[in-house]
Amino acid sequence: MADVHQFITLYGIEEARRQAITKRERQSVETAYQVLTDDAARLGFTYSGFALTALPHRTTDALVWRREGHNLTLIVESGLDQRAKPIGLPYGSYARYILLFLQTEAIKTNSREIELGSSMRCWLNSMGVSIGGVTYKAVAEQAKRISTCRLTFFGSGVSRDIRRNGSFVKDAITMSGLIDDDQPTLWQDRVVLEEEFYRALREHPVPVNEAALRAIGPRSMVLDLYVFLAYRLHSLHDNAHVGWPSIYAQFGFGFASSRRFKQSFLECIQLALAAYPDARVTITDTGLTLHPSRPPIAKLG
């Protein structure tokens, strides 16, 4: 289809749905429509390091995760339980949602202490993650992995290397059993972000549109691409080219070949662009050309 946002604006959602032939086109139409019709324009936040690196998309047996982005390297190490058995690395969309909630609350409240209670469950529900049954177990598992892992960001500054050690949180994010209304709650009232991670977040926050996160849904690569675009595009003064080798190095974990990755990537970036109406990106044979664009939420314009 032509530009999906312009098409919906000119001809309406029903005509856009009728014109959408492939599954990818149908998903792009629905994603774009959700963002275009959202009036709340609620801001979310994440650390800029996650725009240049990322957690695993799926489970892995590896106990150390390393990812490189532009002048930045992320290393995440699995935590251990009381028997010194590895717990595993956080991965997938649920881990990303938990971290997005914690980072958003930290920036909005200007505090390392994040009130939990039912607030995280409500936020996850607003993202379309209904916490119960299998989903409850999956979210609890990712919370445990986030609570116990250790992370290091290595960044190249103008004159020296920057190293940020620590964890995401000081205390464990532990979830109890079900309460009376058959909904899980969080065991503790609050959690405290690790000081070094909080400082990095405060110094380099990336604003995102919560409506876009909701429209994207539990698609971890699309979430990563959206954050990547939200960070890069509105800070550009001139066009920037990102080649396929760099794209594969940042987003290609789990793909046996760059060819198979490219096919999946092209589907994912269409959804990310559908969630970011003002994004200006050209897909070429050699990679992506990023054009200066307005930020992903009008409040930043």
C-alpha atoms as a PDB file:
ATOM      1  CA  MET A   1       0.000   0.000   0.000  1.00  0.00           C
ATOM      2  CA  ALA A   2       0.962   3.665  -0.286  1.00  0.00           C
ATOM      3  CA  ASP A   3       1.725   5.552   2.912  1.00  0.00           C
ATOM      4  CA  VAL A   4      -0.735   3.912   5.259  1.00  0.00           C
ATOM      5  CA  HIS A   5      -1.332   6.977   7.455  1.00  0.00           C
ATOM      6  CA  GLN A   6      -2.110   9.225   4.489  1.00  0.00           C
ATOM      7  CA  PHE A   7      -4.345   6.555   2.965  1.00  0.00           C
ATOM      8  CA  ILE A   8      -6.388   6.198   6.184  1.00  0.00           C
ATOM      9  CA  THR A   9      -6.700   9.984   6.506  1.00  0.00           C
ATOM     10  CA  LEU A  10      -7.852  10.436   2.908  1.00  0.00           C
ATOM     11  CA  TYR A  11     -10.074   7.404   2.399  1.00  0.00           C
ATOM     12  CA  GLY A  12     -10.979   6.150   5.876  1.00  0.00           C
ATOM     13  CA  ILE A  13     -10.201   3.011   7.820  1.00  0.00           C
ATOM     14  CA  GLU A  14     -12.754   0.760   6.117  1.00  0.00           C
ATOM     15  CA  GLU A  15     -11.330   1.455   2.681  1.00  0.00           C
ATOM     16  CA  ALA A  16      -7.810   0.949   4.014  1.00  0.00           C
ATOM     17  CA  ARG A  17      -8.857  -2.419   5.432  1.00  0.00           C
ATOM     18  CA  ARG A  18     -10.439  -3.360   2.128  1.00  0.00           C
ATOM     19  CA  GLN A  19      -7.305  -2.452   0.194  1.00  0.00           C
ATOM     20  CA  ALA A  20      -4.979  -4.366   2.541  1.00  0.00           C
ATOM     21  CA  ILE A  21      -4.229  -7.680   0.836  1.00  0.00           C
ATOM     22  CA  THR A  22      -1.385  -9.318   2.720  1.00  0.00           C
ATOM     23  CA  LYS A  23      -1.191 -10.093   6.427  1.00  0.00           C
ATOM     24  CA  ARG A  24       1.591  -7.531   6.799  1.00  0.00           C
ATOM     25  CA  GLU A  25      -0.551  -4.843   5.175  1.00  0.00           C
ATOM     26  CA  ARG A  26      -3.504  -5.664   7.420  1.00  0.00           C
ATOM     27  CA  GLN A  27      -1.311  -5.462  10.511  1.00  0.00           C
ATOM     28  CA  SER A  28       0.157  -2.148   9.359  1.00  0.00           C
ATOM     29  CA  VAL A  29      -3.313  -0.687   8.788  1.00  0.00           C
ATOM     30  CA  GLU A  30      -4.515  -1.650  12.258  1.00  0.00           C
ATOM     31  CA  THR A  31      -1.313  -0.425  13.912  1.00  0.00           C
ATOM     32  CA  ALA A  32      -1.444   2.918  12.109  1.00  0.00           C
ATOM     33  CA  TYR A  33      -5.146   3.364  12.870  1.00  0.00           C
ATOM     34  CA  GLN A  34      -4.647   2.789  16.597  1.00  0.00           C
ATOM     35  CA  VAL A  35      -1.936   5.446  16.745  1.00  0.00           C
ATOM     36  CA  LEU A  36      -3.793   7.953  14.571  1.00  0.00           C
ATOM     37  CA  THR A  37      -6.980   7.714  16.631  1.00  0.00           C
ATOM     38  CA  ASP A  38      -5.363   7.945  20.055  1.00  0.00           C
ATOM     39  CA  ASP A  39      -6.120  11.278  21.693  1.00  0.00           C
ATOM     40  CA  ALA A  40      -4.310  10.763  24.994  1.00  0.00           C
ATOM     41  CA  ALA A  41      -0.765  11.157  23.613  1.00  0.00           C
ATOM     42  CA  ARG A  42       0.743   9.627  26.739  1.00  0.00           C
ATOM     43  CA  LEU A  43       4.513   9.693  27.029  1.00  0.00           C
ATOM     44  CA  GLY A  44       6.614   6.705  27.920  1.00  0.00           C
ATOM     45  CA  PHE A  45      10.381   6.640  28.392  1.00  0.00           C
ATOM     46  CA  THR A  46      13.316   4.316  27.945  1.00  0.00           C
ATOM     47  CA  TYR A  47      17.088   4.611  28.219  1.00  0.00           C
ATOM     48  CA  SER A  48      18.839   5.551  24.973  1.00  0.00           C
ATOM     49  CA  GLY A  49      21.114   2.535  25.333  1.00  0.00           C
ATOM     50  CA  PHE A  50      18.170   0.326  24.394  1.00  0.00           C
ATOM     51  CA  ALA A  51      17.859   2.216  21.107  1.00  0.00           C
ATOM     52  CA  LEU A  52      21.370   1.106  20.160  1.00  0.00           C
ATOM     53  CA  THR A  53      21.472  -2.340  21.759  1.00  0.00           C
ATOM     54  CA  ALA A  54      18.791  -4.791  22.878  1.00  0.00           C
ATOM     55  CA  LEU A  55      17.953  -7.767  25.042  1.00  0.00           C
ATOM     56  CA  PRO A  56      17.431 -11.183  23.410  1.00  0.00           C
ATOM     57  CA  HIS A  57      14.197 -11.633  21.464  1.00  0.00           C
ATOM     58  CA  ARG A  58      13.743 -15.231  22.570  1.00  0.00           C
ATOM     59  CA  THR A  59      15.060 -17.629  25.165  1.00  0.00           C
ATOM     60  CA  THR A  60      18.700 -18.620  24.931  1.00  0.00           C
ATOM     61  CA  ASP A  61      20.967 -21.023  26.767  1.00  0.00           C
ATOM     62  CA  ALA A  62      23.685 -18.388  26.860  1.00  0.00           C
ATOM     63  CA  LEU A  63      24.487 -16.962  30.289  1.00  0.00           C
ATOM     64  CA  VAL A  64      26.205 -13.845  28.942  1.00  0.00           C
ATOM     65  CA  TRP A  65      24.627 -11.613  26.304  1.00  0.00           C
ATOM     66  CA  ARG A  66      26.626  -9.097  24.289  1.00  0.00           C
ATOM     67  CA  ARG A  67      25.209  -6.625  21.773  1.00  0.00           C
ATOM     68  CA  GLU A  68      26.873  -3.747  19.951  1.00  0.00           C
ATOM     69  CA  GLY A  69      25.337  -0.537  18.695  1.00  0.00           C
ATOM     70  CA  HIS A  70      26.716   2.813  17.606  1.00  0.00           C
ATOM     71  CA  ASN A  71      29.574   3.539  20.076  1.00  0.00           C
ATOM     72  CA  LEU A  72      27.855   1.383  22.687  1.00  0.00           C
ATOM     73  CA  THR A  73      28.160  -2.205  23.881  1.00  0.00           C
ATOM     74  CA  LEU A  74      25.739  -3.944  26.232  1.00  0.00           C
ATOM     75  CA  ILE A  75      26.696  -7.003  28.268  1.00  0.00           C
ATOM     76  CA  VAL A  76      24.067  -8.761  30.377  1.00  0.00           C
ATOM     77  CA  GLU A  77      24.993 -11.620  32.707  1.00  0.00           C
ATOM     78  CA  SER A  78      22.513 -14.123  34.111  1.00  0.00           C
ATOM     79  CA  GLY A  79      21.894 -14.045  37.846  1.00  0.00           C
ATOM     80  CA  LEU A  80      22.077 -17.066  40.143  1.00  0.00           C
ATOM     81  CA  ASP A  81      19.583 -18.592  42.541  1.00  0.00           C
ATOM     82  CA  GLN A  82      20.376 -19.701  46.117  1.00  0.00           C
ATOM     83  CA  ARG A  83      21.824 -22.967  44.808  1.00  0.00           C
ATOM     84  CA  ALA A  84      24.139 -21.081  42.438  1.00  0.00           C
ATOM     85  CA  LYS A  85      22.073 -22.253  39.476  1.00  0.00           C
ATOM     86  CA  PRO A  86      21.772 -19.744  36.588  1.00  0.00           C
ATOM     87  CA  ILE A  87      18.349 -18.142  36.356  1.00  0.00           C
ATOM     88  CA  GLY A  88      18.691 -17.063  32.735  1.00  0.00           C
ATOM     89  CA  LEU A  89      18.717 -13.854  30.736  1.00  0.00           C
ATOM     90  CA  PRO A  90      15.629 -11.643  30.381  1.00  0.00           C
ATOM     91  CA  TYR A  91      14.173 -11.799  26.887  1.00  0.00           C
ATOM     92  CA  GLY A  92      11.155 -11.071  24.718  1.00  0.00           C
ATOM     93  CA  SER A  93       8.354  -8.525  24.827  1.00  0.00           C
ATOM     94  CA  TYR A  94       7.349  -9.072  28.474  1.00  0.00           C
ATOM     95  CA  ALA A  95      10.842  -8.167  29.706  1.00  0.00           C
ATOM     96  CA  ARG A  96      10.738  -5.056  27.555  1.00  0.00           C
ATOM     97  CA  TYR A  97       7.300  -4.076  28.848  1.00  0.00           C
ATOM     98  CA  ILE A  98       8.381  -4.441  32.480  1.00  0.00           C
ATOM     99  CA  LEU A  99      11.429  -2.264  31.867  1.00  0.00           C
ATOM    100  CA  LEU A 100       9.417   0.315  29.921  1.00  0.00           C
ATOM    101  CA  PHE A 101       7.003   0.617  32.842  1.00  0.00           C
ATOM    102  CA  LEU A 102       9.787   1.036  35.406  1.00  0.00           C
ATOM    103  CA  GLN A 103      11.666   3.592  33.316  1.00  0.00           C
ATOM    104  CA  THR A 104       8.533   5.577  32.486  1.00  0.00           C
ATOM    105  CA  GLU A 105       7.506   5.790  36.137  1.00  0.00           C
ATOM    106  CA  ALA A 106      11.024   6.810  37.187  1.00  0.00           C
ATOM    107  CA  ILE A 107      11.109   9.721  34.731  1.00  0.00           C
ATOM    108  CA  LYS A 108       7.541  10.834  35.427  1.00  0.00           C
ATOM    109  CA  THR A 109       7.950  10.783  39.207  1.00  0.00           C
ATOM    110  CA  ASN A 110      11.593  11.931  39.181  1.00  0.00           C
ATOM    111  CA  SER A 111      12.419   9.136  41.605  1.00  0.00           C
ATOM    112  CA  ARG A 112      14.295   5.836  41.733  1.00  0.00           C
ATOM    113  CA  GLU A 113      11.502   4.407  43.878  1.00  0.00           C
ATOM    114  CA  ILE A 114       8.727   2.988  41.742  1.00  0.00           C
ATOM    115  CA  GLU A 115       5.315   2.342  43.264  1.00  0.00           C
ATOM    116  CA  LEU A 116       4.094  -1.068  42.192  1.00  0.00           C
ATOM    117  CA  GLY A 117       1.020  -2.545  43.880  1.00  0.00           C
ATOM    118  CA  SER A 118      -1.524  -2.903  41.113  1.00  0.00           C
ATOM    119  CA  SER A 119      -0.034  -0.113  38.978  1.00  0.00           C
ATOM    120  CA  MET A 120       2.245  -2.294  36.890  1.00  0.00           C
ATOM    121  CA  ARG A 121      -0.536  -4.804  36.295  1.00  0.00           C
ATOM    122  CA  CYS A 122      -2.827  -1.971  35.149  1.00  0.00           C
ATOM    123  CA  TRP A 123      -0.142  -0.608  32.837  1.00  0.00           C
ATOM    124  CA  LEU A 124       0.520  -4.032  31.355  1.00  0.00           C
ATOM    125  CA  ASN A 125      -3.216  -4.484  30.854  1.00  0.00           C
ATOM    126  CA  SER A 126      -3.269  -1.176  28.977  1.00  0.00           C
ATOM    127  CA  MET A 127      -0.600  -2.643  26.698  1.00  0.00           C
ATOM    128  CA  GLY A 128      -2.856  -5.620  26.004  1.00  0.00           C
ATOM    129  CA  VAL A 129      -1.056  -7.988  28.394  1.00  0.00           C
ATOM    130  CA  SER A 130      -3.746  -9.553  30.570  1.00  0.00           C
ATOM    131  CA  ILE A 131      -1.858 -11.115  33.472  1.00  0.00           C
ATOM    132  CA  GLY A 132      -3.356 -14.446  34.347  1.00  0.00           C
ATOM    133  CA  GLY A 133      -2.574 -18.130  33.937  1.00  0.00           C
ATOM    134  CA  VAL A 134       0.257 -18.777  31.501  1.00  0.00           C
ATOM    135  CA  THR A 135       0.845 -15.058  30.974  1.00  0.00           C
ATOM    136  CA  TYR A 136       1.214 -14.535  34.728  1.00  0.00           C
ATOM    137  CA  LYS A 137       3.929 -17.178  34.888  1.00  0.00           C
ATOM    138  CA  ALA A 138       5.731 -15.705  31.887  1.00  0.00           C
ATOM    139  CA  VAL A 139       5.677 -12.164  33.298  1.00  0.00           C
ATOM    140  CA  ALA A 140       6.800 -13.405  36.719  1.00  0.00           C
ATOM    141  CA  GLU A 141       9.687 -15.288  35.102  1.00  0.00           C
ATOM    142  CA  GLN A 142      10.873 -12.197  33.238  1.00  0.00           C
ATOM    143  CA  ALA A 143      10.559 -10.106  36.410  1.00  0.00           C
ATOM    144  CA  LYS A 144      12.792 -12.599  38.208  1.00  0.00           C
ATOM    145  CA  ARG A 145      15.380 -12.550  35.429  1.00  0.00           C
ATOM    146  CA  ILE A 146      15.408  -8.746  35.343  1.00  0.00           C
ATOM    147  CA  SER A 147      15.797  -8.627  39.133  1.00  0.00           C
ATOM    148  CA  THR A 148      18.828 -10.891  39.248  1.00  0.00           C
ATOM    149  CA  CYS A 149      20.814 -10.151  36.100  1.00  0.00           C
ATOM    150  CA  ARG A 150      23.847  -7.884  35.959  1.00  0.00           C
ATOM    151  CA  LEU A 151      24.409  -5.444  33.132  1.00  0.00           C
ATOM    152  CA  THR A 152      27.264  -3.321  31.882  1.00  0.00           C
ATOM    153  CA  PHE A 153      27.109  -0.587  29.252  1.00  0.00           C
ATOM    154  CA  PHE A 154      30.409   0.306  27.595  1.00  0.00           C
ATOM    155  CA  GLY A 155      30.333   3.602  25.699  1.00  0.00           C
ATOM    156  CA  SER A 156      33.054   5.446  23.816  1.00  0.00           C
ATOM    157  CA  GLY A 157      33.148   9.077  24.889  1.00  0.00           C
ATOM    158  CA  VAL A 158      35.093  11.902  23.300  1.00  0.00           C
ATOM    159  CA  SER A 159      38.233  11.220  25.295  1.00  0.00           C
ATOM    160  CA  ARG A 160      37.604   8.084  27.338  1.00  0.00           C
ATOM    161  CA  ASP A 161      35.603   4.940  27.621  1.00  0.00           C
ATOM    162  CA  ILE A 162      32.497   5.043  29.796  1.00  0.00           C
ATOM    163  CA  ARG A 163      31.552   1.967  31.791  1.00  0.00           C
ATOM    164  CA  ARG A 164      28.278   1.636  33.666  1.00  0.00           C
ATOM    165  CA  ASN A 165      28.021  -1.412  35.911  1.00  0.00           C
ATOM    166  CA  GLY A 166      25.135  -2.621  37.978  1.00  0.00           C
ATOM    167  CA  SER A 167      21.655  -4.047  37.701  1.00  0.00           C
ATOM    168  CA  PHE A 168      18.264  -2.796  36.674  1.00  0.00           C
ATOM    169  CA  VAL A 169      16.804  -2.849  40.190  1.00  0.00           C
ATOM    170  CA  LYS A 170      18.105  -3.064  43.753  1.00  0.00           C
ATOM    171  CA  ASP A 171      15.281  -5.278  45.000  1.00  0.00           C
ATOM    172  CA  ALA A 172      13.624  -8.282  43.436  1.00  0.00           C
ATOM    173  CA  ILE A 173      10.386  -7.760  41.523  1.00  0.00           C
ATOM    174  CA  THR A 174       8.515 -10.715  42.967  1.00  0.00           C
ATOM    175  CA  MET A 175       4.916 -11.539  42.196  1.00  0.00           C
ATOM    176  CA  SER A 176       2.639 -13.309  44.661  1.00  0.00           C
ATOM    177  CA  GLY A 177      -0.103 -15.801  43.955  1.00  0.00           C
ATOM    178  CA  LEU A 178      -3.613 -14.841  42.923  1.00  0.00           C
ATOM    179  CA  ILE A 179      -5.699 -12.526  45.046  1.00  0.00           C
ATOM    180  CA  ASP A 180      -9.466 -12.664  45.557  1.00  0.00           C
ATOM    181  CA  ASP A 181     -10.433 -11.417  42.107  1.00  0.00           C
ATOM    182  CA  ASP A 182      -8.178 -14.019  40.489  1.00  0.00           C
ATOM    183  CA  GLN A 183      -5.739 -11.344  39.470  1.00  0.00           C
ATOM    184  CA  PRO A 184      -2.045 -11.559  40.417  1.00  0.00           C
ATOM    185  CA  THR A 185      -0.581  -8.749  42.446  1.00  0.00           C
ATOM    186  CA  LEU A 186       2.961  -7.686  43.197  1.00  0.00           C
ATOM    187  CA  TRP A 187       4.385  -8.821  46.512  1.00  0.00           C
ATOM    188  CA  GLN A 188       6.193  -5.622  47.443  1.00  0.00           C
ATOM    189  CA  ASP A 189       4.796  -2.091  47.409  1.00  0.00           C
ATOM    190  CA  ARG A 190       7.682  -0.601  45.524  1.00  0.00           C
ATOM    191  CA  VAL A 191      10.961  -1.330  43.792  1.00  0.00           C
ATOM    192  CA  VAL A 192      14.090   0.824  43.597  1.00  0.00           C
ATOM    193  CA  LEU A 193      16.059   1.257  40.388  1.00  0.00           C
ATOM    194  CA  GLU A 194      19.791   0.712  40.684  1.00  0.00           C
ATOM    195  CA  GLU A 195      21.429   4.126  41.059  1.00  0.00           C
ATOM    196  CA  GLU A 196      23.751   3.834  38.051  1.00  0.00           C
ATOM    197  CA  PHE A 197      20.966   2.670  35.734  1.00  0.00           C
ATOM    198  CA  TYR A 198      18.676   5.438  36.998  1.00  0.00           C
ATOM    199  CA  ARG A 199      21.392   8.047  36.424  1.00  0.00           C
ATOM    200  CA  ALA A 200      21.939   6.855  32.869  1.00  0.00           C
ATOM    201  CA  LEU A 201      18.186   6.931  32.239  1.00  0.00           C
ATOM    202  CA  ARG A 202      17.880  10.462  33.624  1.00  0.00           C
ATOM    203  CA  GLU A 203      20.777  11.683  31.500  1.00  0.00           C
ATOM    204  CA  HIS A 204      19.641  10.026  28.263  1.00  0.00           C
ATOM    205  CA  PRO A 205      15.879   9.326  28.194  1.00  0.00           C
ATOM    206  CA  VAL A 206      14.115   8.480  24.930  1.00  0.00           C
ATOM    207  CA  PRO A 207      10.443   9.594  24.810  1.00  0.00           C
ATOM    208  CA  VAL A 208       8.050   7.149  23.158  1.00  0.00           C
ATOM    209  CA  ASN A 209       4.337   7.126  22.486  1.00  0.00           C
ATOM    210  CA  GLU A 210       2.467   4.657  24.707  1.00  0.00           C
ATOM    211  CA  ALA A 211      -0.226   4.333  22.050  1.00  0.00           C
ATOM    212  CA  ALA A 212       2.462   3.115  19.651  1.00  0.00           C
ATOM    213  CA  LEU A 213       3.708   0.547  22.168  1.00  0.00           C
ATOM    214  CA  ARG A 214       0.152  -0.693  22.621  1.00  0.00           C
ATOM    215  CA  ALA A 215      -0.459  -0.859  18.870  1.00  0.00           C
ATOM    216  CA  ILE A 216       2.763  -2.800  18.289  1.00  0.00           C
ATOM    217  CA  GLY A 217       1.791  -5.409  20.871  1.00  0.00           C
ATOM    218  CA  PRO A 218       4.027  -8.268  22.050  1.00  0.00           C
ATOM    219  CA  ARG A 219       6.476  -8.135  19.145  1.00  0.00           C
ATOM    220  CA  SER A 220       9.921  -7.633  20.615  1.00  0.00           C
ATOM    221  CA  MET A 221      11.817  -6.793  17.427  1.00  0.00           C
ATOM    222  CA  VAL A 222       9.181  -4.256  16.406  1.00  0.00           C
ATOM    223  CA  LEU A 223       9.403  -2.670  19.864  1.00  0.00           C
ATOM    224  CA  ASP A 224      13.191  -2.432  19.480  1.00  0.00           C
ATOM    225  CA  LEU A 225      12.900  -0.919  16.008  1.00  0.00           C
ATOM    226  CA  TYR A 226      10.365   1.638  17.190  1.00  0.00           C
ATOM    227  CA  VAL A 227      12.662   2.713  20.047  1.00  0.00           C
ATOM    228  CA  PHE A 228      15.603   2.841  17.616  1.00  0.00           C
ATOM    229  CA  LEU A 229      13.670   5.127  15.249  1.00  0.00           C
ATOM    230  CA  ALA A 230      12.291   7.257  18.098  1.00  0.00           C
ATOM    231  CA  TYR A 231      15.858   7.900  19.245  1.00  0.00           C
ATOM    232  CA  ARG A 232      17.590   8.420  15.919  1.00  0.00           C
ATOM    233  CA  LEU A 233      15.176  10.239  13.626  1.00  0.00           C
ATOM    234  CA  HIS A 234      14.251  13.431  15.448  1.00  0.00           C
ATOM    235  CA  SER A 235      17.872  14.081  16.474  1.00  0.00           C
ATOM    236  CA  LEU A 236      19.183  14.004  12.889  1.00  0.00           C
ATOM    237  CA  HIS A 237      20.229  17.129  11.013  1.00  0.00           C
ATOM    238  CA  ASP A 238      21.107  15.313   7.789  1.00  0.00           C
ATOM    239  CA  ASN A 239      20.275  11.964   6.253  1.00  0.00           C
ATOM    240  CA  ALA A 240      22.077   8.975   7.761  1.00  0.00           C
ATOM    241  CA  HIS A 241      22.628   5.577   6.183  1.00  0.00           C
ATOM    242  CA  VAL A 242      22.664   2.357   8.226  1.00  0.00           C
ATOM    243  CA  GLY A 243      23.966  -0.646   6.283  1.00  0.00           C
ATOM    244  CA  TRP A 244      22.616  -4.181   6.482  1.00  0.00           C
ATOM    245  CA  PRO A 245      25.678  -5.505   8.349  1.00  0.00           C
ATOM    246  CA  SER A 246      25.105  -2.981  11.163  1.00  0.00           C
ATOM    247  CA  ILE A 247      21.374  -3.707  11.224  1.00  0.00           C
ATOM    248  CA  TYR A 248      22.027  -7.448  11.405  1.00  0.00           C
ATOM    249  CA  ALA A 249      24.587  -6.965  14.189  1.00  0.00           C
ATOM    250  CA  GLN A 250      22.066  -5.051  16.319  1.00  0.00           C
ATOM    251  CA  PHE A 251      18.812  -6.891  15.606  1.00  0.00           C
ATOM    252  CA  GLY A 252      19.731 -10.237  14.076  1.00  0.00           C
ATOM    253  CA  PHE A 253      20.094 -12.553  17.080  1.00  0.00           C
ATOM    254  CA  GLY A 254      18.567 -15.973  16.483  1.00  0.00           C
ATOM    255  CA  PHE A 255      18.651 -15.878  12.686  1.00  0.00           C
ATOM    256  CA  ALA A 256      20.869 -18.442  11.012  1.00  0.00           C
ATOM    257  CA  SER A 257      21.567 -16.211   8.029  1.00  0.00           C
ATOM    258  CA  SER A 258      21.385 -12.540   7.160  1.00  0.00           C
ATOM    259  CA  ARG A 259      19.016 -13.415   4.300  1.00  0.00           C
ATOM    260  CA  ARG A 260      16.399 -14.934   6.600  1.00  0.00           C
ATOM    261  CA  PHE A 261      16.848 -12.049   9.006  1.00  0.00           C
ATOM    262  CA  LYS A 262      16.298  -9.482   6.279  1.00  0.00           C
ATOM    263  CA  GLN A 263      12.933 -10.969   5.333  1.00  0.00           C
ATOM    264  CA  SER A 264      11.704 -10.837   8.930  1.00  0.00           C
ATOM    265  CA  PHE A 265      13.227  -7.397   9.479  1.00  0.00           C
ATOM    266  CA  LEU A 266      11.374  -5.897   6.513  1.00  0.00           C
ATOM    267  CA  GLU A 267       8.073  -7.083   7.962  1.00  0.00           C
ATOM    268  CA  CYS A 268       8.941  -5.718  11.407  1.00  0.00           C
ATOM    269  CA  ILE A 269      10.062  -2.299  10.227  1.00  0.00           C
ATOM    270  CA  GLN A 270       6.821  -1.794   8.333  1.00  0.00           C
ATOM    271  CA  LEU A 271       4.945  -2.233  11.610  1.00  0.00           C
ATOM    272  CA  ALA A 272       7.376   0.056  13.444  1.00  0.00           C
ATOM    273  CA  LEU A 273       6.850   2.733  10.787  1.00  0.00           C
ATOM    274  CA  ALA A 274       3.081   2.268  11.004  1.00  0.00           C
ATOM    275  CA  ALA A 275       3.365   3.025  14.735  1.00  0.00           C
ATOM    276  CA  TYR A 276       5.398   6.195  14.034  1.00  0.00           C
ATOM    277  CA  PRO A 277       3.408   8.333  11.555  1.00  0.00           C
ATOM    278  CA  ASP A 278       6.062  11.029  11.137  1.00  0.00           C
ATOM    279  CA  ALA A 279       8.990   8.666  10.605  1.00  0.00           C
ATOM    280  CA  ARG A 280      10.819   9.199   7.325  1.00  0.00           C
ATOM    281  CA  VAL A 281      12.831   6.123   6.387  1.00  0.00           C
ATOM    282  CA  THR A 282      13.876   4.827   2.982  1.00  0.00           C
ATOM    283  CA  ILE A 283      14.574   1.109   2.627  1.00  0.00           C
ATOM    284  CA  THR A 284      17.269   0.416   0.026  1.00  0.00           C
ATOM    285  CA  ASP A 285      19.251  -2.542  -1.246  1.00  0.00           C
ATOM    286  CA  THR A 286      22.141  -1.564   1.021  1.00  0.00           C
ATOM    287  CA  GLY A 287      20.186  -0.827   4.220  1.00  0.00           C
ATOM    288  CA  LEU A 288      18.147   2.045   5.638  1.00  0.00           C
ATOM    289  CA  THR A 289      18.396   5.746   4.948  1.00  0.00           C
ATOM    290  CA  LEU A 290      17.160   7.711   7.940  1.00  0.00           C
ATOM    291  CA  HIS A 291      15.791  11.186   7.274  1.00  0.00           C
ATOM    292  CA  PRO A 292      15.313  13.948   9.881  1.00  0.00           C
ATOM    293  CA  SER A 293      11.799  13.509  11.245  1.00  0.00           C
ATOM    294  CA  ARG A 294       9.460  14.968  13.790  1.00  0.00           C
ATOM    295  CA  PRO A 295       9.468  13.185  17.170  1.00  0.00           C
ATOM    296  CA  PRO A 296       7.108  10.253  17.730  1.00  0.00           C
ATOM    297  CA  ILE A 297       4.750  12.235  19.948  1.00  0.00           C
ATOM    298  CA  ALA A 298       3.376  15.712  19.307  1.00  0.00           C
ATOM    299  CA  LYS A 299       4.210  17.012  22.803  1.00  0.00           C
ATOM    300  CA  LEU A 300       7.885  16.970  21.832  1.00  0.00           C
ATOM    301  CA  GLY A 301       7.451  18.945  18.641  1.00  0.00           C
END
